[in-house]
C-alpha atoms as a PDB file:
ATOM      1  CA  GLN A   1       7.728  80.586  38.776  1.00  0.00           C
ATOM      2  CA  VAL A   2       8.455  83.658  36.691  1.00  0.00           C
ATOM      3  CA  GLN A   3       7.223  87.066  37.758  1.00  0.00           C
ATOM      4  CA  LEU A   4       6.672  89.726  35.090  1.00  0.00           C
ATOM      5  CA  VAL A   5       6.177  93.451  35.651  1.00  0.00           C
ATOM      6  CA  GLU A   6       5.342  95.824  32.799  1.00  0.00           C
ATOM      7  CA  SER A   7       6.050  99.530  32.663  1.00  0.00           C
ATOM      8  CA  GLY A   8       6.168 102.360  30.146  1.00  0.00           C
ATOM      9  CA  GLY A   9       2.531 102.747  29.217  1.00  0.00           C
ATOM     10  CA  GLY A  10       0.864 106.110  29.038  1.00  0.00           C
ATOM     11  CA  LEU A  11      -0.893 108.644  26.870  1.00  0.00           C
ATOM     12  CA  VAL A  12       0.525 109.565  23.484  1.00  0.00           C
ATOM     13  CA  GLN A  13      -0.768 111.345  20.404  1.00  0.00           C
ATOM     14  CA  ALA A  14      -1.354 109.497  17.166  1.00  0.00           C
ATOM     15  CA  GLY A  15       1.896 109.077  15.280  1.00  0.00           C
ATOM     16  CA  GLY A  16       3.941 109.120  18.453  1.00  0.00           C
ATOM     17  CA  SER A  17       6.009 106.446  20.136  1.00  0.00           C
ATOM     18  CA  LEU A  18       6.219 104.561  23.404  1.00  0.00           C
ATOM     19  CA  ARG A  19       8.564 101.912  24.709  1.00  0.00           C
ATOM     20  CA  LEU A  20       7.201  99.281  27.032  1.00  0.00           C
ATOM     21  CA  SER A  21       9.448  97.299  29.331  1.00  0.00           C
ATOM     22  CA  CYS A  22       8.854  94.007  31.084  1.00  0.00           C
ATOM     23  CA  ALA A  23      11.147  92.990  33.898  1.00  0.00           C
ATOM     24  CA  ALA A  24      11.291  89.265  34.605  1.00  0.00           C
ATOM     25  CA  SER A  25      12.378  87.684  37.840  1.00  0.00           C
ATOM     26  CA  GLY A  26      14.787  84.835  38.163  1.00  0.00           C
ATOM     27  CA  ARG A  27      18.230  84.045  36.912  1.00  0.00           C
ATOM     28  CA  THR A  28      16.952  81.675  34.243  1.00  0.00           C
ATOM     29  CA  VAL A  29      14.972  84.166  32.175  1.00  0.00           C
ATOM     30  CA  SER A  30      17.044  83.234  29.130  1.00  0.00           C
ATOM     31  CA  ASN A  31      15.339  79.829  29.167  1.00  0.00           C
ATOM     32  CA  TYR A  32      11.926  81.391  28.541  1.00  0.00           C
ATOM     33  CA  GLY A  33      10.308  82.854  25.502  1.00  0.00           C
ATOM     34  CA  LEU A  34       9.039  86.389  26.020  1.00  0.00           C
ATOM     35  CA  GLY A  35       6.529  88.533  24.242  1.00  0.00           C
ATOM     36  CA  TRP A  36       3.544  90.800  24.315  1.00  0.00           C
ATOM     37  CA  PHE A  37      -0.212  90.595  24.072  1.00  0.00           C
ATOM     38  CA  ARG A  38      -2.789  93.325  24.207  1.00  0.00           C
ATOM     39  CA  GLN A  39      -6.442  93.570  25.072  1.00  0.00           C
ATOM     40  CA  LEU A  40      -8.308  96.202  23.117  1.00  0.00           C
ATOM     41  CA  PRO A  41     -11.614  97.566  24.462  1.00  0.00           C
ATOM     42  CA  GLY A  42     -14.347  94.966  24.141  1.00  0.00           C
ATOM     43  CA  GLU A  43     -12.005  92.335  22.715  1.00  0.00           C
ATOM     44  CA  GLU A  44     -10.109  89.299  23.927  1.00  0.00           C
ATOM     45  CA  ARG A  45      -6.427  89.277  24.656  1.00  0.00           C
ATOM     46  CA  ASP A  46      -4.601  89.092  21.329  1.00  0.00           C
ATOM     47  CA  PHE A  47      -1.048  88.393  20.307  1.00  0.00           C
ATOM     48  CA  VAL A  48       1.229  91.338  19.522  1.00  0.00           C
ATOM     49  CA  GLY A  49       4.727  89.923  19.162  1.00  0.00           C
ATOM     50  CA  ALA A  50       7.312  87.576  20.593  1.00  0.00           C
ATOM     51  CA  ILE A  51      11.016  86.903  20.577  1.00  0.00           C
ATOM     52  CA  GLY A  52      13.117  83.781  20.946  1.00  0.00           C
ATOM     53  CA  LEU A  53      15.183  82.600  23.855  1.00  0.00           C
ATOM     54  CA  ASN A  54      18.335  84.385  22.751  1.00  0.00           C
ATOM     55  CA  GLY A  55      16.760  87.409  21.116  1.00  0.00           C
ATOM     56  CA  ASP A  56      16.365  85.659  17.801  1.00  0.00           C
ATOM     57  CA  SER A  57      13.384  85.106  15.526  1.00  0.00           C
ATOM     58  CA  PRO A  58      11.115  87.989  16.479  1.00  0.00           C
ATOM     59  CA  TYR A  59       7.628  87.737  15.039  1.00  0.00           C
ATOM     60  CA  TYR A  60       4.598  89.986  15.095  1.00  0.00           C
ATOM     61  CA  SER A  61       0.929  90.194  14.404  1.00  0.00           C
ATOM     62  CA  LEU A  62      -0.011  91.732  11.083  1.00  0.00           C
ATOM     63  CA  ALA A  63      -1.672  94.616  12.895  1.00  0.00           C
ATOM     64  CA  VAL A  64       1.619  95.887  14.299  1.00  0.00           C
ATOM     65  CA  LYS A  65       4.260  94.530  11.939  1.00  0.00           C
ATOM     66  CA  GLY A  66       6.479  97.309  10.643  1.00  0.00           C
ATOM     67  CA  ARG A  67       5.554  99.628  13.511  1.00  0.00           C
ATOM     68  CA  PHE A  68       6.443  97.656  16.654  1.00  0.00           C
ATOM     69  CA  THR A  69       9.768  96.048  17.512  1.00  0.00           C
ATOM     70  CA  ILE A  70      10.494  93.481  20.205  1.00  0.00           C
ATOM     71  CA  SER A  71      13.888  93.054  21.794  1.00  0.00           C
ATOM     72  CA  ARG A  72      15.236  91.388  24.905  1.00  0.00           C
ATOM     73  CA  ASP A  73      18.241  91.892  27.103  1.00  0.00           C
ATOM     74  CA  ASN A  74      18.931  88.751  29.077  1.00  0.00           C
ATOM     75  CA  THR A  75      21.608  90.475  31.145  1.00  0.00           C
ATOM     76  CA  LYS A  76      18.840  92.728  32.499  1.00  0.00           C
ATOM     77  CA  ASN A  77      16.082  90.096  32.471  1.00  0.00           C
ATOM     78  CA  THR A  78      13.988  92.478  30.402  1.00  0.00           C
ATOM     79  CA  VAL A  79      11.968  92.409  27.200  1.00  0.00           C
ATOM     80  CA  TYR A  80      10.978  95.583  25.387  1.00  0.00           C
ATOM     81  CA  LEU A  81       8.271  96.616  22.988  1.00  0.00           C
ATOM     82  CA  GLN A  82       9.139  99.691  20.960  1.00  0.00           C
ATOM     83  CA  MET A  83       5.931 101.097  19.499  1.00  0.00           C
ATOM     84  CA  ASN A  84       6.183 103.641  16.713  1.00  0.00           C
ATOM     85  CA  SER A  85       3.588 105.301  14.507  1.00  0.00           C
ATOM     86  CA  LEU A  86       0.934 104.646  17.107  1.00  0.00           C
ATOM     87  CA  LYS A  87      -2.708 104.755  16.090  1.00  0.00           C
ATOM     88  CA  PRO A  88      -5.834 105.292  18.182  1.00  0.00           C
ATOM     89  CA  GLU A  89      -6.794 101.682  17.474  1.00  0.00           C
ATOM     90  CA  ASP A  90      -3.671 100.597  19.361  1.00  0.00           C
ATOM     91  CA  THR A  91      -5.299 101.784  22.582  1.00  0.00           C
ATOM     92  CA  GLY A  92      -5.601  99.024  25.141  1.00  0.00           C
ATOM     93  CA  VAL A  93      -3.919  97.153  27.949  1.00  0.00           C
ATOM     94  CA  TYR A  94      -0.603  95.593  27.020  1.00  0.00           C
ATOM     95  CA  TYR A  95       0.592  92.459  28.783  1.00  0.00           C
ATOM     96  CA  CYS A  96       3.958  90.830  28.962  1.00  0.00           C
ATOM     97  CA  ALA A  97       3.864  87.046  28.679  1.00  0.00           C
ATOM     98  CA  SER A  98       6.294  84.182  29.043  1.00  0.00           C
ATOM     99  CA  ARG A  99       6.474  80.448  28.583  1.00  0.00           C
ATOM    100  CA  ARG A 100       8.971  77.663  29.010  1.00  0.00           C
ATOM    101  CA  GLY A 101      10.319  77.518  25.502  1.00  0.00           C
ATOM    102  CA  LEU A 102       9.026  79.683  22.677  1.00  0.00           C
ATOM    103  CA  LEU A 103       6.093  81.953  23.347  1.00  0.00           C
ATOM    104  CA  ALA A 104       2.776  80.836  21.898  1.00  0.00           C
ATOM    105  CA  ALA A 105       0.594  83.143  19.842  1.00  0.00           C
ATOM    106  CA  ARG A 106      -2.438  81.635  21.595  1.00  0.00           C
ATOM    107  CA  ALA A 107      -2.819  83.388  24.909  1.00  0.00           C
ATOM    108  CA  ASP A 108      -4.034  80.363  26.871  1.00  0.00           C
ATOM    109  CA  LEU A 109      -0.939  78.335  26.001  1.00  0.00           C
ATOM    110  CA  ASN A 110       1.444  80.665  27.820  1.00  0.00           C
ATOM    111  CA  ASP A 111       2.447  80.197  31.435  1.00  0.00           C
ATOM    112  CA  TYR A 112       3.157  83.585  32.984  1.00  0.00           C
ATOM    113  CA  TRP A 113       1.636  87.034  32.722  1.00  0.00           C
ATOM    114  CA  GLY A 114       2.291  90.529  33.953  1.00  0.00           C
ATOM    115  CA  GLN A 115      -0.400  92.782  35.347  1.00  0.00           C
ATOM    116  CA  GLY A 116      -0.626  94.891  32.200  1.00  0.00           C
ATOM    117  CA  THR A 117       0.059  98.515  31.380  1.00  0.00           C
ATOM    118  CA  GLN A 118      -2.386 100.918  29.773  1.00  0.00           C
ATOM    119  CA  VAL A 119      -1.543 102.477  26.420  1.00  0.00           C
ATOM    120  CA  THR A 120      -3.808 105.258  25.209  1.00  0.00           C
ATOM    121  CA  VAL A 121      -3.374 106.870  21.806  1.00  0.00           C
ATOM    122  CA  SER A 122      -5.296 110.053  21.194  1.00  0.00           C
ATOM    123  CA  SER A 123      -6.228 111.536  17.841  1.00  0.00           C
END
């Protein structure tokens, strides 16, 4: 099993930045794809971005591409989501996710989830 714990959420003004972190348990975290989903108010959990096993091939949803950046540090068992140019419509709960192999953009295909961290962007 892989345990994921998110941190870094909070309140920020529109145009500001936040960096989310997700700490993964286990010594084999490099064998798992890592990424992020978010659940906006009244909506289902949607894909945000993901990164490959060795920090390669990051990919993003169109809604955040160009503003958000995913990275991972396997020596720290951590994946990050750097969020810039935040908009009020980015407000929601952000979840770290993982899967054996590459992360899936469909939420129900992934294996492990964090508890989520709230991101609120004010205008």
